[in-house]
Structures are given as structure tokens and as C-alpha cells.
Amino acid sequence: MGWYRQAPGKKRELVAVISNSGSINYVDSVKGRFTIARDNA
């Protein structure tokens, strides 16, 4: 599962992703500010 964003006039970019096993990655610009989480239930 991932979150992407698209600003006016810009390409859609990946913000954060959490894998089915729980691995997480963030784009550098949001590290330390954004947190992705999932609730499978």
C-alpha cells in the first residue's frame, strides 16, 4: 500500500509505501514528518 501525491503542474510522486510484510519507505522530503501505517483488520 502506498501514498502518492500530485501537485499542480507536477508529476505524481511516491510519498510513502508499506509492504505486505510491513517494510516502509519514504521519499526524502517527508522523512521524519510523515508516518505510514496499515491495519489489516
All heavy atoms as atom14 arrays in JSON, in Angstrom:
{
  "sequence": "MGWYRQAPGKKRELVAVISNSGSINYVDSVKGRFTIARDNA",
  "atom14_mask": [
    [1, 1, 1, 1, 1, 1, 1, 1, 0, 0, 0, 0, 0, 0],
    [1, 1, 1, 1, 0, 0, 0, 0, 0, 0, 0, 0, 0, 0],
    [1, 1, 1, 1, 1, 1, 1, 1, 1, 1, 1, 1, 1, 1],
    [1, 1, 1, 1, 1, 1, 1, 1, 1, 1, 1, 1, 0, 0],
    [1, 1, 1, 1, 1, 1, 1, 1, 1, 1, 1, 0, 0, 0],
    [1, 1, 1, 1, 1, 1, 1, 1, 1, 0, 0, 0, 0, 0],
    [1, 1, 1, 1, 1, 0, 0, 0, 0, 0, 0, 0, 0, 0],
    [1, 1, 1, 1, 1, 1, 1, 0, 0, 0, 0, 0, 0, 0],
    [1, 1, 1, 1, 0, 0, 0, 0, 0, 0, 0, 0, 0, 0],
    [1, 1, 1, 1, 1, 1, 1, 1, 1, 0, 0, 0, 0, 0],
    [1, 1, 1, 1, 1, 1, 1, 1, 1, 0, 0, 0, 0, 0],
    [1, 1, 1, 1, 1, 1, 1, 1, 1, 1, 1, 0, 0, 0],
    [1, 1, 1, 1, 1, 1, 1, 1, 1, 0, 0, 0, 0, 0],
    [1, 1, 1, 1, 1, 1, 1, 1, 0, 0, 0, 0, 0, 0],
    [1, 1, 1, 1, 1, 1, 1, 0, 0, 0, 0, 0, 0, 0],
    [1, 1, 1, 1, 1, 0, 0, 0, 0, 0, 0, 0, 0, 0],
    [1, 1, 1, 1, 1, 1, 1, 0, 0, 0, 0, 0, 0, 0],
    [1, 1, 1, 1, 1, 1, 1, 1, 0, 0, 0, 0, 0, 0],
    [1, 1, 1, 1, 1, 1, 0, 0, 0, 0, 0, 0, 0, 0],
    [1, 1, 1, 1, 1, 1, 1, 1, 0, 0, 0, 0, 0, 0],
    [1, 1, 1, 1, 1, 1, 0, 0, 0, 0, 0, 0, 0, 0],
    [1, 1, 1, 1, 0, 0, 0, 0, 0, 0, 0, 0, 0, 0],
    [1, 1, 1, 1, 1, 1, 0, 0, 0, 0, 0, 0, 0, 0],
    [1, 1, 1, 1, 1, 1, 1, 1, 0, 0, 0, 0, 0, 0],
    [1, 1, 1, 1, 1, 1, 1, 1, 0, 0, 0, 0, 0, 0],
    [1, 1, 1, 1, 1, 1, 1, 1, 1, 1, 1, 1, 0, 0],
    [1, 1, 1, 1, 1, 1, 1, 0, 0, 0, 0, 0, 0, 0],
    [1, 1, 1, 1, 1, 1, 1, 1, 0, 0, 0, 0, 0, 0],
    [1, 1, 1, 1, 1, 1, 0, 0, 0, 0, 0, 0, 0, 0],
    [1, 1, 1, 1, 1, 1, 1, 0, 0, 0, 0, 0, 0, 0],
    [1, 1, 1, 1, 1, 1, 1, 1, 1, 0, 0, 0, 0, 0],
    [1, 1, 1, 1, 0, 0, 0, 0, 0, 0, 0, 0, 0, 0],
    [1, 1, 1, 1, 1, 1, 1, 1, 1, 1, 1, 0, 0, 0],
    [1, 1, 1, 1, 1, 1, 1, 1, 1, 1, 1, 0, 0, 0],
    [1, 1, 1, 1, 1, 1, 1, 0, 0, 0, 0, 0, 0, 0],
    [1, 1, 1, 1, 1, 1, 1, 1, 0, 0, 0, 0, 0, 0],
    [1, 1, 1, 1, 1, 0, 0, 0, 0, 0, 0, 0, 0, 0],
    [1, 1, 1, 1, 1, 1, 1, 1, 1, 1, 1, 0, 0, 0],
    [1, 1, 1, 1, 1, 1, 1, 1, 0, 0, 0, 0, 0, 0],
    [1, 1, 1, 1, 1, 1, 1, 1, 0, 0, 0, 0, 0, 0],
    [1, 1, 1, 1, 1, 0, 0, 0, 0, 0, 0, 0, 0, 0]
  ],
  "atom14_positions": [
    [[0.83, -1.2, 0.0], [0.0, 0.0, 0.0], [0.87, 1.25, 0.0], [1.86, 1.34, 0.73], [-0.9, 0.02, 1.23], [-1.85, -1.17, 1.32], [-2.99, -1.29, -0.06], [-3.89, 0.27, 0.08], [0.0, 0.0, 0.0], [0.0, 0.0, 0.0], [0.0, 0.0, 0.0], [0.0, 0.0, 0.0], [0.0, 0.0, 0.0], [0.0, 0.0, 0.0]],
    [[0.48, 2.2, -0.82], [1.28, 3.41, -0.92], [0.44, 4.67, -0.96], [-0.75, 4.63, -1.28], [0.0, 0.0, 0.0], [0.0, 0.0, 0.0], [0.0, 0.0, 0.0], [0.0, 0.0, 0.0], [0.0, 0.0, 0.0], [0.0, 0.0, 0.0], [0.0, 0.0, 0.0], [0.0, 0.0, 0.0], [0.0, 0.0, 0.0], [0.0, 0.0, 0.0]],
    [[1.08, 5.75, -0.61], [0.51, 7.09, -0.76], [1.35, 7.84, -1.78], [2.59, 7.88, -1.66], [0.48, 7.84, 0.55], [-0.56, 7.36, 1.51], [-0.39, 6.49, 2.55], [-1.94, 7.73, 1.53], [-1.58, 6.28, 3.2], [-2.56, 7.04, 2.59], [-2.73, 8.57, 0.73], [-3.91, 7.18, 2.89], [-4.07, 8.7, 1.03], [-4.65, 8.01, 2.1]],
    [[0.69, 8.43, -2.74], [1.32, 9.25, -3.75], [0.7, 10.65, -3.67], [-0.38, 10.82, -3.1], [1.08, 8.69, -5.15], [1.81, 7.42, -5.47], [1.47, 6.22, -4.86], [2.86, 7.4, -6.39], [2.14, 5.04, -5.15], [3.54, 6.23, -6.69], [3.17, 5.06, -6.08], [3.84, 3.9, -6.38], [0.0, 0.0, 0.0], [0.0, 0.0, 0.0]],
    [[1.37, 11.61, -4.28], [0.79, 12.95, -4.35], [1.13, 13.59, -5.68], [2.13, 13.26, -6.3], [1.26, 13.83, -3.2], [2.73, 14.16, -3.21], [3.12, 14.91, -1.93], [4.54, 15.22, -1.88], [5.16, 15.74, -0.81], [4.47, 15.98, 0.3], [6.44, 16.0, -0.85], [0.0, 0.0, 0.0], [0.0, 0.0, 0.0], [0.0, 0.0, 0.0]],
    [[0.26, 14.5, -6.08], [0.48, 15.23, -7.32], [0.09, 16.68, -7.1], [-1.07, 16.99, -6.83], [-0.33, 14.63, -8.46], [0.0, 15.24, -9.81], [-0.55, 14.43, -10.96], [-1.46, 13.61, -10.8], [-0.01, 14.65, -12.15], [0.0, 0.0, 0.0], [0.0, 0.0, 0.0], [0.0, 0.0, 0.0], [0.0, 0.0, 0.0], [0.0, 0.0, 0.0]],
    [[1.08, 17.54, -7.24], [0.86, 18.98, -7.14], [0.56, 19.53, -8.53], [0.95, 18.92, -9.54], [2.08, 19.66, -6.55], [0.0, 0.0, 0.0], [0.0, 0.0, 0.0], [0.0, 0.0, 0.0], [0.0, 0.0, 0.0], [0.0, 0.0, 0.0], [0.0, 0.0, 0.0], [0.0, 0.0, 0.0], [0.0, 0.0, 0.0], [0.0, 0.0, 0.0]],
    [[-0.1, 20.68, -8.62], [-0.42, 21.25, -9.93], [0.82, 21.43, -10.78], [1.84, 21.98, -10.32], [-1.04, 22.6, -9.58], [-1.61, 22.4, -8.22], [-0.66, 21.47, -7.53], [0.0, 0.0, 0.0], [0.0, 0.0, 0.0], [0.0, 0.0, 0.0], [0.0, 0.0, 0.0], [0.0, 0.0, 0.0], [0.0, 0.0, 0.0], [0.0, 0.0, 0.0]],
    [[0.77, 20.94, -12.01], [1.88, 21.09, -12.93], [3.05, 20.15, -12.69], [4.08, 20.27, -13.37], [0.0, 0.0, 0.0], [0.0, 0.0, 0.0], [0.0, 0.0, 0.0], [0.0, 0.0, 0.0], [0.0, 0.0, 0.0], [0.0, 0.0, 0.0], [0.0, 0.0, 0.0], [0.0, 0.0, 0.0], [0.0, 0.0, 0.0], [0.0, 0.0, 0.0]],
    [[2.9, 19.24, -11.74], [4.0, 18.32, -11.43], [3.56, 16.88, -11.64], [2.37, 16.57, -11.68], [4.47, 18.53, -9.99], [5.09, 19.89, -9.74], [5.73, 19.96, -8.36], [6.43, 21.28, -8.15], [7.09, 21.35, -6.81], [0.0, 0.0, 0.0], [0.0, 0.0, 0.0], [0.0, 0.0, 0.0], [0.0, 0.0, 0.0], [0.0, 0.0, 0.0]],
    [[4.54, 16.01, -11.74], [4.26, 14.59, -11.88], [3.83, 13.99, -10.54], [4.2, 14.5, -9.48], [5.5, 13.85, -12.4], [5.9, 14.21, -13.82], [7.11, 13.39, -14.26], [7.5, 13.72, -15.69], [8.69, 12.94, -16.14], [0.0, 0.0, 0.0], [0.0, 0.0, 0.0], [0.0, 0.0, 0.0], [0.0, 0.0, 0.0], [0.0, 0.0, 0.0]],
    [[3.06, 12.92, -10.62], [2.7, 12.21, -9.4], [3.96, 11.56, -8.82], [4.76, 10.95, -9.54], [1.65, 11.15, -9.71], [1.02, 10.52, -8.49], [-0.12, 9.59, -8.86], [-1.22, 10.31, -9.5], [-2.41, 9.76, -9.76], [-2.64, 8.5, -9.43], [-3.35, 10.47, -10.35], [0.0, 0.0, 0.0], [0.0, 0.0, 0.0], [0.0, 0.0, 0.0]],
    [[4.14, 11.7, -7.51], [5.32, 11.14, -6.86], [4.91, 10.25, -5.69], [3.89, 10.49, -5.03], [6.27, 12.25, -6.37], [5.73, 13.09, -5.23], [6.79, 13.96, -4.56], [7.99, 13.79, -4.83], [6.39, 14.81, -3.74], [0.0, 0.0, 0.0], [0.0, 0.0, 0.0], [0.0, 0.0, 0.0], [0.0, 0.0, 0.0], [0.0, 0.0, 0.0]],
    [[5.75, 9.25, -5.46], [5.55, 8.37, -4.32], [5.93, 9.12, -3.05], [7.0, 9.71, -2.97], [6.39, 7.11, -4.46], [6.37, 6.14, -3.29], [4.99, 5.55, -3.1], [7.41, 5.06, -3.48], [0.0, 0.0, 0.0], [0.0, 0.0, 0.0], [0.0, 0.0, 0.0], [0.0, 0.0, 0.0], [0.0, 0.0, 0.0], [0.0, 0.0, 0.0]],
    [[5.05, 9.08, -2.05], [5.32, 9.71, -0.76], [5.8, 8.67, 0.24], [6.82, 8.86, 0.91], [4.06, 10.42, -0.23], [4.31, 10.98, 1.16], [3.61, 11.51, -1.2], [0.0, 0.0, 0.0], [0.0, 0.0, 0.0], [0.0, 0.0, 0.0], [0.0, 0.0, 0.0], [0.0, 0.0, 0.0], [0.0, 0.0, 0.0], [0.0, 0.0, 0.0]],
    [[5.05, 7.58, 0.36], [5.38, 6.54, 1.33], [4.75, 5.24, 0.88], [3.7, 5.23, 0.24], [4.87, 6.91, 2.73], [0.0, 0.0, 0.0], [0.0, 0.0, 0.0], [0.0, 0.0, 0.0], [0.0, 0.0, 0.0], [0.0, 0.0, 0.0], [0.0, 0.0, 0.0], [0.0, 0.0, 0.0], [0.0, 0.0, 0.0], [0.0, 0.0, 0.0]],
    [[5.4, 4.15, 1.23], [4.88, 2.84, 0.89], [5.11, 1.89, 2.06], [6.14, 1.98, 2.74], [5.52, 2.29, -0.39], [7.02, 2.13, -0.24], [4.86, 0.99, -0.83], [0.0, 0.0, 0.0], [0.0, 0.0, 0.0], [0.0, 0.0, 0.0], [0.0, 0.0, 0.0], [0.0, 0.0, 0.0], [0.0, 0.0, 0.0], [0.0, 0.0, 0.0]],
    [[4.13, 1.03, 2.3], [4.27, -0.02, 3.31], [3.95, -1.34, 2.62], [2.87, -1.5, 2.03], [3.39, 0.26, 4.54], [3.59, -0.83, 5.6], [1.92, 0.42, 4.18], [3.01, -0.45, 6.97], [0.0, 0.0, 0.0], [0.0, 0.0, 0.0], [0.0, 0.0, 0.0], [0.0, 0.0, 0.0], [0.0, 0.0, 0.0], [0.0, 0.0, 0.0]],
    [[4.88, -2.26, 2.71], [4.69, -3.52, 2.01], [3.75, -4.45, 2.78], [3.37, -4.16, 3.93], [6.05, -4.21, 1.82], [6.47, -4.76, 3.05], [0.0, 0.0, 0.0], [0.0, 0.0, 0.0], [0.0, 0.0, 0.0], [0.0, 0.0, 0.0], [0.0, 0.0, 0.0], [0.0, 0.0, 0.0], [0.0, 0.0, 0.0], [0.0, 0.0, 0.0]],
    [[3.42, -5.56, 2.15], [2.55, -6.52, 2.82], [3.22, -7.16, 4.02], [2.56, -7.72, 4.9], [2.04, -7.59, 1.84], [3.16, -8.27, 1.08], [4.32, -8.2, 1.46], [2.8, -8.91, -0.02], [0.0, 0.0, 0.0], [0.0, 0.0, 0.0], [0.0, 0.0, 0.0], [0.0, 0.0, 0.0], [0.0, 0.0, 0.0], [0.0, 0.0, 0.0]],
    [[4.55, -7.05, 4.1], [5.27, -7.58, 5.26], [5.59, -6.49, 6.28], [6.21, -6.78, 7.31], [6.57, -8.25, 4.8], [7.44, -7.3, 4.23], [0.0, 0.0, 0.0], [0.0, 0.0, 0.0], [0.0, 0.0, 0.0], [0.0, 0.0, 0.0], [0.0, 0.0, 0.0], [0.0, 0.0, 0.0], [0.0, 0.0, 0.0], [0.0, 0.0, 0.0]],
    [[5.21, -5.26, 5.97], [5.42, -4.17, 6.92], [6.65, -3.32, 6.68], [6.91, -2.38, 7.44], [0.0, 0.0, 0.0], [0.0, 0.0, 0.0], [0.0, 0.0, 0.0], [0.0, 0.0, 0.0], [0.0, 0.0, 0.0], [0.0, 0.0, 0.0], [0.0, 0.0, 0.0], [0.0, 0.0, 0.0], [0.0, 0.0, 0.0], [0.0, 0.0, 0.0]],
    [[7.4, -3.59, 5.63], [8.54, -2.74, 5.31], [8.04, -1.38, 4.84], [7.06, -1.29, 4.11], [9.39, -3.38, 4.23], [9.91, -4.61, 4.67], [0.0, 0.0, 0.0], [0.0, 0.0, 0.0], [0.0, 0.0, 0.0], [0.0, 0.0, 0.0], [0.0, 0.0, 0.0], [0.0, 0.0, 0.0], [0.0, 0.0, 0.0], [0.0, 0.0, 0.0]],
    [[8.77, -0.34, 5.22], [8.32, 1.03, 4.96], [9.42, 1.83, 4.29], [10.61, 1.7, 4.63], [7.91, 1.72, 6.28], [6.62, 1.09, 6.83], [7.74, 3.21, 6.08], [6.23, 1.59, 8.2], [0.0, 0.0, 0.0], [0.0, 0.0, 0.0], [0.0, 0.0, 0.0], [0.0, 0.0, 0.0], [0.0, 0.0, 0.0], [0.0, 0.0, 0.0]],
    [[9.01, 2.65, 3.34], [9.93, 3.59, 2.7], [9.23, 4.93, 2.51], [8.02, 4.98, 2.27], [10.43, 3.06, 1.36], [11.52, 2.04, 1.52], [12.64, 2.36, 1.9], [11.19, 0.79, 1.26], [0.0, 0.0, 0.0], [0.0, 0.0, 0.0], [0.0, 0.0, 0.0], [0.0, 0.0, 0.0], [0.0, 0.0, 0.0], [0.0, 0.0, 0.0]],
    [[10.02, 5.99, 2.6], [9.51, 7.35, 2.42], [10.36, 8.1, 1.41], [11.57, 7.86, 1.29], [9.56, 8.14, 3.74], [8.76, 7.58, 4.87], [9.36, 6.79, 5.85], [7.4, 7.83, 4.97], [8.62, 6.27, 6.9], [6.64, 7.31, 6.02], [7.27, 6.53, 6.98], [6.53, 6.02, 8.02], [0.0, 0.0, 0.0], [0.0, 0.0, 0.0]],
    [[9.74, 9.04, 0.72], [10.52, 9.98, -0.07], [11.28, 10.87, 0.91], [10.81, 11.16, 2.02], [9.59, 10.81, -1.0], [8.68, 11.73, -0.21], [10.4, 11.56, -2.02], [0.0, 0.0, 0.0], [0.0, 0.0, 0.0], [0.0, 0.0, 0.0], [0.0, 0.0, 0.0], [0.0, 0.0, 0.0], [0.0, 0.0, 0.0], [0.0, 0.0, 0.0]],
    [[12.46, 11.3, 0.52], [13.32, 12.04, 1.45], [12.65, 13.28, 2.02], [12.86, 13.63, 3.19], [14.62, 12.44, 0.74], [15.57, 11.27, 0.55], [15.35, 10.21, 1.17], [16.54, 11.42, -0.22], [0.0, 0.0, 0.0], [0.0, 0.0, 0.0], [0.0, 0.0, 0.0], [0.0, 0.0, 0.0], [0.0, 0.0, 0.0], [0.0, 0.0, 0.0]],
    [[11.84, 13.94, 1.23], [11.27, 15.22, 1.65], [10.27, 15.1, 2.81], [9.93, 16.11, 3.42], [10.59, 15.91, 0.46], [9.55, 15.1, -0.06], [0.0, 0.0, 0.0], [0.0, 0.0, 0.0], [0.0, 0.0, 0.0], [0.0, 0.0, 0.0], [0.0, 0.0, 0.0], [0.0, 0.0, 0.0], [0.0, 0.0, 0.0], [0.0, 0.0, 0.0]],
    [[9.81, 13.89, 3.11], [8.84, 13.73, 4.19], [9.38, 12.92, 5.36], [8.68, 12.75, 6.37], [7.51, 13.1, 3.69], [6.97, 13.85, 2.48], [7.69, 11.62, 3.37], [0.0, 0.0, 0.0], [0.0, 0.0, 0.0], [0.0, 0.0, 0.0], [0.0, 0.0, 0.0], [0.0, 0.0, 0.0], [0.0, 0.0, 0.0], [0.0, 0.0, 0.0]],
    [[10.59, 12.42, 5.24], [11.18, 11.62, 6.32], [11.23, 12.43, 7.62], [11.64, 13.59, 7.62], [12.57, 11.14, 5.93], [12.56, 10.02, 4.92], [13.98, 9.58, 4.57], [13.97, 8.44, 3.55], [15.33, 8.05, 3.13], [0.0, 0.0, 0.0], [0.0, 0.0, 0.0], [0.0, 0.0, 0.0], [0.0, 0.0, 0.0], [0.0, 0.0, 0.0]],
    [[10.79, 11.8, 8.69], [10.77, 12.47, 9.99], [9.51, 13.27, 10.24], [9.29, 13.74, 11.36], [0.0, 0.0, 0.0], [0.0, 0.0, 0.0], [0.0, 0.0, 0.0], [0.0, 0.0, 0.0], [0.0, 0.0, 0.0], [0.0, 0.0, 0.0], [0.0, 0.0, 0.0], [0.0, 0.0, 0.0], [0.0, 0.0, 0.0], [0.0, 0.0, 0.0]],
    [[8.69, 13.46, 9.21], [7.45, 14.24, 9.38], [6.2, 13.39, 9.13], [5.18, 13.6, 9.78], [7.44, 15.42, 8.41], [8.6, 16.38, 8.6], [8.42, 17.64, 7.74], [8.4, 17.36, 6.31], [7.4, 17.67, 5.49], [6.31, 18.27, 5.98], [7.47, 17.39, 4.2], [0.0, 0.0, 0.0], [0.0, 0.0, 0.0], [0.0, 0.0, 0.0]],
    [[6.27, 12.46, 8.2], [5.13, 11.62, 7.84], [5.34, 10.2, 8.34], [6.47, 9.71, 8.37], [4.94, 11.58, 6.33], [4.48, 12.86, 5.68], [4.45, 14.06, 6.38], [4.07, 12.86, 4.36], [4.04, 15.23, 5.77], [3.64, 14.01, 3.73], [3.63, 15.21, 4.45], [0.0, 0.0, 0.0], [0.0, 0.0, 0.0], [0.0, 0.0, 0.0]],
    [[4.24, 9.55, 8.68], [4.28, 8.16, 9.11], [3.17, 7.38, 8.42], [2.0, 7.78, 8.5], [4.1, 8.04, 10.63], [5.12, 8.8, 11.3], [4.2, 6.58, 11.08], [0.0, 0.0, 0.0], [0.0, 0.0, 0.0], [0.0, 0.0, 0.0], [0.0, 0.0, 0.0], [0.0, 0.0, 0.0], [0.0, 0.0, 0.0], [0.0, 0.0, 0.0]],
    [[3.54, 6.31, 7.76], [2.56, 5.43, 7.12], [2.34, 4.22, 8.03], [3.28, 3.73, 8.67], [3.02, 5.0, 5.71], [1.89, 4.29, 4.97], [4.28, 4.15, 5.77], [2.2, 4.03, 3.49], [0.0, 0.0, 0.0], [0.0, 0.0, 0.0], [0.0, 0.0, 0.0], [0.0, 0.0, 0.0], [0.0, 0.0, 0.0], [0.0, 0.0, 0.0]],
    [[1.1, 3.77, 8.07], [0.76, 2.59, 8.87], [-0.42, 1.89, 8.23], [-1.17, 2.51, 7.47], [0.42, 3.0, 10.31], [0.0, 0.0, 0.0], [0.0, 0.0, 0.0], [0.0, 0.0, 0.0], [0.0, 0.0, 0.0], [0.0, 0.0, 0.0], [0.0, 0.0, 0.0], [0.0, 0.0, 0.0], [0.0, 0.0, 0.0], [0.0, 0.0, 0.0]],
    [[-0.56, 0.62, 8.53], [-1.68, -0.13, 7.99], [-2.34, -0.94, 9.1], [-1.66, -1.37, 10.05], [-1.24, -1.05, 6.85], [-0.28, -2.16, 7.23], [0.26, -2.87, 5.98], [-0.79, -3.52, 5.2], [-0.66, -3.88, 3.92], [0.48, -3.64, 3.28], [-1.66, -4.46, 3.3], [0.0, 0.0, 0.0], [0.0, 0.0, 0.0], [0.0, 0.0, 0.0]],
    [[-3.63, -1.16, 8.94], [-4.4, -2.01, 9.85], [-5.1, -3.04, 8.98], [-6.12, -2.75, 8.35], [-5.4, -1.16, 10.63], [-6.15, -1.96, 11.7], [-6.23, -3.19, 11.56], [-6.66, -1.35, 12.64], [0.0, 0.0, 0.0], [0.0, 0.0, 0.0], [0.0, 0.0, 0.0], [0.0, 0.0, 0.0], [0.0, 0.0, 0.0], [0.0, 0.0, 0.0]],
    [[-4.54, -4.23, 8.93], [-5.09, -5.26, 8.06], [-6.48, -5.71, 8.51], [-7.29, -6.16, 7.7], [-4.15, -6.45, 7.98], [-2.88, -6.15, 7.18], [-2.83, -5.18, 6.41], [-1.87, -6.96, 7.38], [0.0, 0.0, 0.0], [0.0, 0.0, 0.0], [0.0, 0.0, 0.0], [0.0, 0.0, 0.0], [0.0, 0.0, 0.0], [0.0, 0.0, 0.0]],
    [[-6.76, -5.59, 9.79], [-8.08, -5.98, 10.3], [-9.16, -5.02, 9.8], [-10.33, -5.4, 9.67], [-8.07, -6.01, 11.82], [0.0, 0.0, 0.0], [0.0, 0.0, 0.0], [0.0, 0.0, 0.0], [0.0, 0.0, 0.0], [0.0, 0.0, 0.0], [0.0, 0.0, 0.0], [0.0, 0.0, 0.0], [0.0, 0.0, 0.0], [0.0, 0.0, 0.0]]
  ]
}
